[in-house]
Amino acid sequence: MNHFHYIDGELHAEDVAIARIAEAVGTPFYCYSTATLERHYAVFAGALGAAGLDATVCFACKANPNIAVIHTLARLGAGADVVSEGELRQALAAGVPPERIVFSGVGKTRAELDFAVATGILQINVESEPELRMLSEVAAARGVRMPVSIRVNPDVDAGTHAKITTGKKENKFGIEWNRIREVYNLAGSLPGLDVVGIACHIGSQLTEIEPFRQAFLRVRDLVDMLRADGVDIRRLDLGGGLGVPYDDETPPSPTAYAEIMRDTLGDLGCRVIVEPGRLLVGNAGILVSRVIHVKEGSTRTFLIVDAAMNDLMRPALYDAHHAIIPVAEPGPGTVLAAVDVVGPVCETGDTFARQRPLPPMAAGDLLAFGTAGAYGAAMSSTYNTRPLIPEVLVRGAEFKVVRARPSFEQMRALESLPDWF
């Protein structure tokens, strides 16, 4: 569910007309709904509670690292899952307590590990033996024992896009499940580490429950084995990955997800950490763009808009589908026509949709791209020297710019000519 809807023929975010925001901030821009963020968190956390799980929800900041978004979720009780020092600093700035922050990621630097240890976060999910040794040195040098979970690669096919699956043995993430015993033995021998659990994350945008069941059962087997070896496993970090409907997908509900977690792992007496990202923020955001030209080609019509692949990378990167709707509601009986919706960047890949049925559009009309709250602004760039676009947060009848569009002068201020010129 989201809170973007037509009122009197105009698309609104909650009680704010999208056209009003466009007039105030210009296009393109991202718009997020507070009510949707709050509802999604309540449904997800409620499902875990109803299943009787001792669960901590840590929002995967990589999906949307805007501090206003993170703060909105933190006020509801969410922690943060971060994968860089930058995300860790964003989470702290957004008010997430360090004891509710988990640091994941396959390539943490020594400086990042040192900052995380000094900050006193909940735990670090370690993904390799070299990282384990490096973290031991960093923690021992600070005279602390850092809580760690070791990320297992369970060799489970998540059935999702090849670029966002993370739990197969050929993926770069985690340590292969059949080597876990020796790696935990190593961890137990190193100073500065408090081995508290197992971490597992098999991918993003999962639309079936079975891969979760397979991964959770493998984690269960590993818990039994490690406890038999004397390892005190008391936390299970189960990652995220539950999908959202972009088109005609029907992902499992949070209730089904929580129940499969309870049925496979609920009797182990472990604290559970889950890291939803897309599920909380995907449908909470839209990208709003304005039509520049309607170009008639010899074989098709092109709708050229002022948003581009640098603003929303997912269609170019994953061939991803996003709903596209006009901000002005079409009248009853409006005839749709197939068009290609494209941006101004000098790449054929700068295409949002091919032969998408849309109502007649003209230069100056506004369009909204749905389910753009996750991995939209987070993945944006300044390709073609295009400024990053504003992000706007709506609450009821109010809206606020929570990331401003930089001017060209501000962009250029980050560059300099060398002295020899």
Protein backbone atom coordinates (compact mmCIF):
# COMPACT_ATOMS: atom_id res chain seq x y z
CA MET A 1 0.00 0.00 0.00
CA ASN A 2 1.13 3.56 -0.66
CA HIS A 3 -0.28 7.04 -0.13
CA PHE A 4 -0.02 8.37 -3.69
CA HIS A 5 -3.49 8.86 -5.16
CA TYR A 6 -5.63 11.14 -7.29
CA ILE A 7 -7.71 13.84 -5.61
CA ASP A 8 -9.96 15.92 -7.87
CA GLY A 9 -8.03 14.76 -10.92
CA GLU A 10 -4.53 15.52 -9.57
CA LEU A 11 -1.95 13.10 -8.21
CA HIS A 12 -1.23 13.74 -4.53
CA ALA A 13 1.31 12.49 -2.03
CA GLU A 14 -0.87 12.15 1.06
CA ASP A 15 -2.60 15.59 1.06
CA VAL A 16 -0.07 17.47 -1.07
CA ALA A 17 -0.58 17.96 -4.82
CA ILE A 18 2.45 16.72 -6.76
CA ALA A 19 2.08 19.65 -9.18
CA ARG A 20 2.47 22.03 -6.23
CA ILE A 21 5.77 20.41 -5.26
CA ALA A 22 6.94 20.52 -8.88
CA GLU A 23 6.22 24.23 -9.04
CA ALA A 24 8.17 24.83 -5.82
CA VAL A 25 11.28 22.70 -6.40
CA GLY A 26 11.39 22.07 -10.16
CA THR A 27 11.69 18.72 -11.88
CA PRO A 28 12.83 16.03 -11.69
CA PHE A 29 12.56 15.22 -7.99
CA TYR A 30 11.94 12.32 -5.62
CA CYS A 31 8.96 12.44 -3.29
CA TYR A 32 8.54 10.23 -0.21
CA SER A 33 5.43 9.63 1.89
CA THR A 34 5.81 9.57 5.68
CA ALA A 35 2.50 7.72 6.08
CA THR A 36 3.68 4.92 3.79
CA LEU A 37 7.00 4.58 5.63
CA GLU A 38 5.17 4.38 8.94
CA ARG A 39 2.63 1.86 7.67
CA HIS A 40 5.22 -0.44 6.10
CA TYR A 41 7.32 -0.47 9.25
CA ALA A 42 4.29 -1.17 11.44
CA VAL A 43 3.14 -4.07 9.24
CA PHE A 44 6.61 -5.62 9.06
CA ALA A 45 7.50 -5.23 12.74
CA GLY A 46 3.99 -6.32 13.72
CA ALA A 47 4.34 -9.54 11.75
CA LEU A 48 7.56 -10.41 13.56
CA GLY A 49 5.98 -9.67 16.91
CA ALA A 50 2.88 -11.73 16.12
CA ALA A 51 5.15 -14.68 15.28
CA GLY A 52 6.66 -14.46 18.76
CA LEU A 53 10.15 -13.60 17.55
CA ASP A 54 12.67 -11.64 19.62
CA ALA A 55 13.46 -9.47 16.60
CA THR A 56 15.37 -6.25 15.94
CA VAL A 57 14.52 -4.51 12.66
CA CYS A 58 17.57 -2.78 11.16
CA PHE A 59 16.68 -0.74 8.07
CA ALA A 60 19.08 -1.47 5.18
CA CYS A 61 20.30 2.08 4.59
CA LYS A 62 21.67 1.26 1.15
CA ALA A 63 18.09 1.29 -0.14
CA ASN A 64 17.62 4.94 0.80
CA PRO A 65 20.28 6.69 2.93
CA ASN A 66 18.47 10.03 3.24
CA ILE A 67 18.69 11.05 6.90
CA ALA A 68 15.04 12.19 6.97
CA VAL A 69 13.94 8.74 5.79
CA ILE A 70 16.23 6.97 8.27
CA HIS A 71 15.06 9.27 11.09
CA THR A 72 11.40 8.60 10.27
CA LEU A 73 12.02 4.87 10.69
CA ALA A 74 14.31 5.31 13.73
CA ARG A 75 11.53 7.17 15.57
CA LEU A 76 9.42 4.04 15.16
CA GLY A 77 12.11 1.86 16.69
CA ALA A 78 14.15 0.79 13.68
CA GLY A 79 17.87 0.28 13.82
CA ALA A 80 20.17 0.43 10.81
CA ASP A 81 22.09 -2.01 8.64
CA VAL A 82 25.00 -0.16 7.04
CA VAL A 83 27.62 -1.18 4.49
CA SER A 84 30.06 1.75 4.62
CA GLU A 85 31.37 4.38 7.02
CA GLY A 86 29.29 6.93 5.13
CA GLU A 87 26.09 5.00 5.82
CA LEU A 88 27.13 4.54 9.44
CA ARG A 89 27.61 8.28 9.80
CA GLN A 90 24.23 8.89 8.12
CA ALA A 91 22.52 6.52 10.54
CA LEU A 92 24.12 8.22 13.53
CA ALA A 93 23.21 11.66 12.20
CA ALA A 94 19.64 10.44 11.75
CA GLY A 95 19.44 9.50 15.42
CA VAL A 96 19.87 5.72 15.28
CA PRO A 97 21.47 4.56 18.57
CA PRO A 98 24.81 2.79 18.00
CA GLU A 99 23.49 -0.27 19.85
CA ARG A 100 20.93 -0.73 17.05
CA ILE A 101 23.42 -0.56 14.16
CA VAL A 102 24.87 -3.55 12.30
CA PHE A 103 27.80 -3.14 9.87
CA SER A 104 27.66 -5.54 6.90
CA GLY A 105 29.57 -5.65 3.60
CA VAL A 106 32.30 -7.64 1.95
CA GLY A 107 35.01 -4.97 1.72
CA LYS A 108 35.25 -2.95 4.93
CA THR A 109 38.53 -1.05 5.24
CA ARG A 110 40.66 -0.89 8.38
CA ALA A 111 39.60 2.74 8.87
CA GLU A 112 35.92 1.79 8.60
CA LEU A 113 36.31 -1.06 11.08
CA ASP A 114 38.14 1.23 13.49
CA PHE A 115 35.35 3.84 13.29
CA ALA A 116 32.70 1.16 13.86
CA VAL A 117 34.54 -0.29 16.87
CA ALA A 118 35.09 3.19 18.35
CA THR A 119 31.41 4.01 17.86
CA GLY A 120 30.30 0.94 19.82
CA ILE A 121 27.75 -0.47 17.37
CA LEU A 122 25.72 -3.63 17.99
CA GLN A 123 27.81 -5.95 15.83
CA ILE A 124 29.93 -6.34 12.71
CA ASN A 125 29.08 -9.05 10.19
CA VAL A 126 32.40 -10.48 9.03
CA GLU A 127 32.64 -11.91 5.51
CA SER A 128 36.15 -13.35 5.19
CA GLU A 129 39.12 -14.63 7.17
CA PRO A 130 41.30 -11.61 6.26
CA GLU A 131 38.55 -9.31 7.57
CA LEU A 132 38.32 -11.39 10.74
CA ARG A 133 42.04 -10.97 11.39
CA MET A 134 41.96 -7.25 10.57
CA LEU A 135 39.02 -6.64 12.91
CA SER A 136 40.78 -8.58 15.67
CA GLU A 137 43.81 -6.30 15.37
CA VAL A 138 41.66 -3.15 15.35
CA ALA A 139 39.54 -4.19 18.34
CA ALA A 140 42.50 -5.46 20.37
CA ALA A 141 44.35 -2.19 19.76
CA ARG A 142 41.39 -0.35 21.29
CA GLY A 143 41.19 -2.79 24.19
CA VAL A 144 37.65 -3.93 23.47
CA ARG A 145 35.92 -7.16 22.47
CA MET A 146 33.83 -6.43 19.39
CA PRO A 147 30.64 -8.46 18.91
CA VAL A 148 30.77 -10.25 15.55
CA SER A 149 28.64 -12.56 13.49
CA ILE A 150 30.17 -14.44 10.60
CA ARG A 151 28.25 -14.31 7.37
CA VAL A 152 27.60 -17.71 5.87
CA ASN A 153 27.07 -18.23 2.15
CA PRO A 154 24.46 -21.03 2.18
CA ASP A 155 24.63 -21.74 -1.58
CA VAL A 156 20.90 -21.09 -2.01
CA ASP A 157 19.54 -19.68 -5.25
CA ALA A 158 17.26 -16.77 -4.34
CA GLY A 159 15.53 -16.92 -7.72
CA THR A 160 16.01 -13.18 -8.23
CA HIS A 161 17.97 -11.06 -10.74
CA ALA A 162 21.55 -12.30 -11.22
CA LYS A 163 22.97 -8.91 -10.19
CA ILE A 164 21.24 -8.89 -6.79
CA THR A 165 21.51 -12.52 -5.71
CA THR A 166 24.08 -12.93 -2.93
CA GLY A 167 23.74 -16.43 -1.47
CA LYS A 168 25.20 -18.72 -4.15
CA LYS A 169 28.70 -20.14 -3.84
CA GLU A 170 29.90 -18.19 -6.87
CA ASN A 171 28.86 -14.88 -5.30
CA LYS A 172 31.43 -12.73 -3.50
CA PHE A 173 29.52 -12.59 -0.23
CA GLY A 174 30.09 -14.53 2.96
CA ILE A 175 32.00 -17.74 3.71
CA GLU A 176 30.91 -21.04 2.18
CA TRP A 177 28.76 -22.96 4.62
CA ASN A 178 30.95 -26.06 4.55
CA ARG A 179 33.93 -24.05 5.86
CA ILE A 180 32.11 -22.38 8.72
CA ARG A 181 33.37 -24.67 11.48
CA GLU A 182 37.04 -23.92 10.82
CA VAL A 183 36.37 -20.18 10.49
CA TYR A 184 34.54 -20.09 13.84
CA ASN A 185 37.47 -21.97 15.38
CA LEU A 186 39.76 -19.25 14.03
CA ALA A 187 37.49 -16.49 15.33
CA GLY A 188 37.46 -18.04 18.79
CA SER A 189 41.25 -17.99 18.90
CA LEU A 190 41.64 -14.31 18.01
CA PRO A 191 41.79 -11.50 20.58
CA GLY A 192 39.35 -8.61 20.56
CA LEU A 193 36.39 -10.59 19.21
CA ASP A 194 33.17 -11.72 20.86
CA VAL A 195 31.60 -14.25 18.50
CA VAL A 196 27.85 -13.87 19.06
CA GLY A 197 26.09 -15.26 16.02
CA ILE A 198 25.60 -16.19 12.40
CA ALA A 199 24.64 -13.84 9.55
CA CYS A 200 23.00 -14.86 6.29
CA HIS A 201 21.55 -12.82 3.42
CA ILE A 202 20.72 -14.49 0.08
CA GLY A 203 19.64 -11.59 -2.11
CA SER A 204 17.18 -8.82 -2.85
CA GLN A 205 13.68 -8.64 -4.35
CA LEU A 206 12.74 -12.24 -3.54
CA THR A 207 9.24 -13.13 -4.69
CA GLU A 208 9.06 -16.72 -3.36
CA ILE A 209 9.22 -18.00 0.22
CA GLU A 210 11.04 -21.29 -0.50
CA PRO A 211 14.58 -19.82 -0.82
CA PHE A 212 14.18 -18.27 2.63
CA ARG A 213 13.14 -21.64 4.07
CA GLN A 214 16.16 -23.37 2.51
CA ALA A 215 18.57 -20.73 3.82
CA PHE A 216 17.04 -20.71 7.31
CA LEU A 217 17.23 -24.50 7.57
CA ARG A 218 20.90 -24.38 6.64
CA VAL A 219 21.46 -21.74 9.32
CA ARG A 220 19.70 -23.99 11.82
CA ASP A 221 22.02 -26.88 11.00
CA LEU A 222 25.02 -24.63 11.47
CA VAL A 223 23.74 -23.38 14.84
CA ASP A 224 23.40 -26.97 16.06
CA MET A 225 26.88 -27.85 14.84
CA LEU A 226 28.55 -24.76 16.30
CA ARG A 227 26.81 -25.12 19.65
CA ALA A 228 28.02 -28.70 19.77
CA ASP A 229 31.52 -27.27 19.32
CA GLY A 230 30.97 -24.97 22.29
CA VAL A 231 30.31 -21.76 20.36
CA ASP A 232 27.70 -19.61 22.13
CA ILE A 233 25.46 -18.67 19.19
CA ARG A 234 22.87 -16.23 20.52
CA ARG A 235 22.09 -13.97 17.56
CA LEU A 236 20.88 -14.74 14.04
CA ASP A 237 21.20 -11.96 11.47
CA LEU A 238 18.92 -13.14 8.66
CA GLY A 239 19.34 -10.20 6.29
CA GLY A 240 16.46 -8.88 4.24
CA GLY A 241 15.43 -9.39 0.64
CA LEU A 242 11.64 -9.62 0.77
CA GLY A 243 10.39 -8.26 -2.55
CA VAL A 244 7.82 -5.61 -3.48
CA PRO A 245 5.41 -5.53 -6.44
CA TYR A 246 6.87 -3.41 -9.25
CA ASP A 247 4.66 -4.96 -11.93
CA ASP A 248 2.69 -8.20 -11.59
CA GLU A 249 4.81 -9.86 -8.89
CA THR A 250 3.12 -11.19 -5.77
CA PRO A 251 5.88 -11.42 -3.14
CA PRO A 252 5.32 -13.24 0.15
CA SER A 253 3.67 -11.16 2.86
CA PRO A 254 5.58 -10.07 5.96
CA THR A 255 3.35 -12.49 7.88
CA ALA A 256 4.41 -15.44 5.72
CA TYR A 257 8.04 -14.35 6.01
CA ALA A 258 7.85 -14.13 9.81
CA GLU A 259 6.08 -17.48 10.07
CA ILE A 260 8.71 -19.33 8.01
CA MET A 261 11.35 -17.73 10.23
CA ARG A 262 9.52 -18.88 13.37
CA ASP A 263 8.89 -22.39 12.05
CA THR A 264 12.54 -22.99 11.11
CA LEU A 265 14.44 -21.05 13.78
CA GLY A 266 12.02 -19.92 16.47
CA ASP A 267 12.92 -22.56 19.04
CA LEU A 268 16.65 -21.83 19.08
CA GLY A 269 16.39 -19.08 21.70
CA CYS A 270 18.28 -16.56 19.57
CA ARG A 271 17.78 -12.85 19.13
CA VAL A 272 16.87 -12.31 15.48
CA ILE A 273 18.09 -9.34 13.42
CA VAL A 274 16.36 -8.62 10.12
CA GLU A 275 17.41 -6.01 7.59
CA PRO A 276 14.53 -4.94 5.31
CA GLY A 277 15.29 -2.14 2.87
CA ARG A 278 13.22 -2.13 -0.31
CA LEU A 279 10.19 -3.49 1.55
CA LEU A 280 10.04 -0.42 3.80
CA VAL A 281 10.86 2.35 1.33
CA GLY A 282 10.19 1.10 -2.22
CA ASN A 283 6.50 1.97 -2.46
CA ALA A 284 7.01 5.02 -0.23
CA GLY A 285 8.62 7.00 -3.03
CA ILE A 286 8.00 8.25 -6.55
CA LEU A 287 10.15 10.04 -9.10
CA VAL A 288 8.43 13.01 -10.74
CA SER A 289 9.51 14.19 -14.17
CA ARG A 290 8.31 16.61 -16.82
CA VAL A 291 7.89 15.92 -20.54
CA ILE A 292 10.39 17.90 -22.63
CA HIS A 293 9.33 16.74 -26.09
CA VAL A 294 7.08 14.26 -27.83
CA LYS A 295 9.19 12.98 -30.72
CA GLU A 296 7.56 11.06 -33.56
CA GLY A 297 9.94 8.50 -35.06
CA SER A 298 9.40 6.36 -38.12
CA THR A 299 8.44 3.28 -36.09
CA ARG A 300 7.53 4.60 -32.63
CA THR A 301 6.79 7.65 -30.51
CA PHE A 302 9.34 8.83 -27.96
CA LEU A 303 8.30 10.62 -24.81
CA ILE A 304 11.44 12.54 -23.83
CA VAL A 305 11.39 13.50 -20.14
CA ASP A 306 13.75 15.53 -17.97
CA ALA A 307 14.62 12.62 -15.65
CA ALA A 308 17.39 10.31 -16.85
CA MET A 309 19.23 7.11 -16.08
CA ASN A 310 21.56 9.00 -13.75
CA ASP A 311 18.49 9.85 -11.62
CA LEU A 312 16.89 6.38 -11.72
CA MET A 313 19.40 3.72 -12.72
CA ARG A 314 17.31 0.58 -12.18
CA PRO A 315 15.74 0.28 -15.67
CA ALA A 316 19.14 0.65 -17.36
CA LEU A 317 20.96 -1.59 -14.87
CA TYR A 318 18.38 -4.34 -14.30
CA ASP A 319 15.80 -3.84 -17.09
CA ALA A 320 13.57 -3.03 -14.14
CA HIS A 321 9.91 -2.12 -14.48
CA HIS A 322 8.45 0.99 -12.86
CA ALA A 323 4.83 2.01 -13.24
CA ILE A 324 4.48 5.35 -15.05
CA ILE A 325 1.40 7.45 -14.47
CA PRO A 326 0.39 10.99 -15.47
CA VAL A 327 0.13 13.51 -12.67
CA ALA A 328 -3.06 14.84 -14.26
CA GLU A 329 -5.62 12.02 -14.09
CA PRO A 330 -6.81 10.87 -17.53
CA GLY A 331 -10.52 11.22 -18.18
CA PRO A 332 -12.87 8.25 -18.55
CA GLY A 333 -12.47 6.47 -21.87
CA THR A 334 -9.05 7.97 -22.62
CA VAL A 335 -7.38 5.98 -25.40
CA LEU A 336 -3.88 4.77 -24.58
CA ALA A 337 -1.02 4.56 -27.08
CA ALA A 338 2.30 2.74 -26.84
CA VAL A 339 5.31 5.03 -26.40
CA ASP A 340 8.97 4.74 -25.43
CA VAL A 341 9.71 6.84 -22.33
CA VAL A 342 13.31 8.04 -22.52
CA GLY A 343 15.62 10.53 -20.86
CA PRO A 344 18.06 13.12 -22.25
CA VAL A 345 21.32 11.31 -21.40
CA CYS A 346 23.46 10.33 -24.38
CA GLU A 347 22.97 6.57 -23.96
CA THR A 348 20.47 4.30 -25.65
CA GLY A 349 20.23 2.67 -22.24
CA ASP A 350 18.63 5.86 -20.95
CA THR A 351 15.23 4.31 -21.49
CA PHE A 352 12.63 3.92 -18.75
CA ALA A 353 10.03 1.96 -20.72
CA ARG A 354 9.54 0.60 -24.21
CA GLN A 355 6.13 0.53 -25.88
CA ARG A 356 4.38 1.41 -22.63
CA PRO A 357 0.64 2.21 -23.06
CA LEU A 358 0.07 5.77 -21.83
CA PRO A 359 -2.55 8.46 -22.36
CA PRO A 360 -1.72 11.33 -24.74
CA MET A 361 1.02 13.52 -23.25
CA ALA A 362 2.37 16.92 -24.32
CA ALA A 363 5.48 18.97 -23.54
CA GLY A 364 5.23 20.34 -20.03
CA ASP A 365 3.06 17.52 -18.65
CA LEU A 366 4.17 15.77 -15.45
CA LEU A 367 4.73 12.03 -15.04
CA ALA A 368 5.38 9.96 -11.93
CA PHE A 369 7.49 6.79 -11.79
CA GLY A 370 6.15 4.47 -9.10
CA THR A 371 7.95 2.35 -6.50
CA ALA A 372 11.02 4.59 -6.71
CA GLY A 373 11.77 4.99 -3.01
CA ALA A 374 14.39 2.21 -2.97
CA TYR A 375 17.63 2.28 -4.95
CA GLY A 376 16.52 5.44 -6.80
CA ALA A 377 18.19 8.46 -5.25
CA ALA A 378 20.63 6.08 -3.53
CA MET A 379 22.12 4.99 -6.87
CA SER A 380 21.96 8.35 -8.64
CA SER A 381 24.98 10.09 -10.12
CA THR A 382 26.02 13.28 -11.89
CA TYR A 383 26.61 11.60 -15.26
CA ASN A 384 26.48 14.09 -18.15
CA THR A 385 27.21 16.72 -15.44
CA ARG A 386 23.59 16.63 -14.34
CA PRO A 387 23.00 17.80 -10.76
CA LEU A 388 21.64 15.33 -8.23
CA ILE A 389 17.92 15.93 -7.93
CA PRO A 390 15.96 17.07 -4.86
CA GLU A 391 14.36 14.68 -2.41
CA VAL A 392 11.11 15.78 -0.78
CA LEU A 393 9.41 14.28 2.28
CA VAL A 394 5.65 14.71 2.70
CA ARG A 395 3.75 14.45 5.94
CA GLY A 396 0.01 15.05 5.71
CA ALA A 397 -0.48 18.47 4.13
CA GLU A 398 3.18 19.48 4.56
CA PHE A 399 6.27 18.90 2.47
CA LYS A 400 9.93 19.65 2.98
CA VAL A 401 13.00 19.40 0.74
CA VAL A 402 15.27 16.94 2.56
CA ARG A 403 18.04 16.99 -0.03
CA ALA A 404 18.47 20.08 -2.18
CA ARG A 405 19.46 20.19 -5.83
CA PRO A 406 23.04 21.55 -5.99
CA SER A 407 23.77 24.42 -8.33
CA PHE A 408 26.33 24.04 -11.13
CA GLU A 409 28.58 26.38 -9.14
CA GLN A 410 28.37 24.10 -6.11
CA MET A 411 29.21 21.10 -8.25
CA ARG A 412 32.18 22.88 -9.81
CA ALA A 413 33.46 24.02 -6.40
CA LEU A 414 34.51 20.43 -5.72
CA GLU A 415 36.94 20.54 -8.66
CA SER A 416 40.17 22.46 -9.21
CA LEU A 417 42.85 22.96 -11.82
CA PRO A 418 46.38 21.79 -11.01
CA ASP A 419 49.04 24.45 -10.30
CA TRP A 420 50.83 23.81 -13.61
CA PHE A 421 47.96 25.45 -15.47
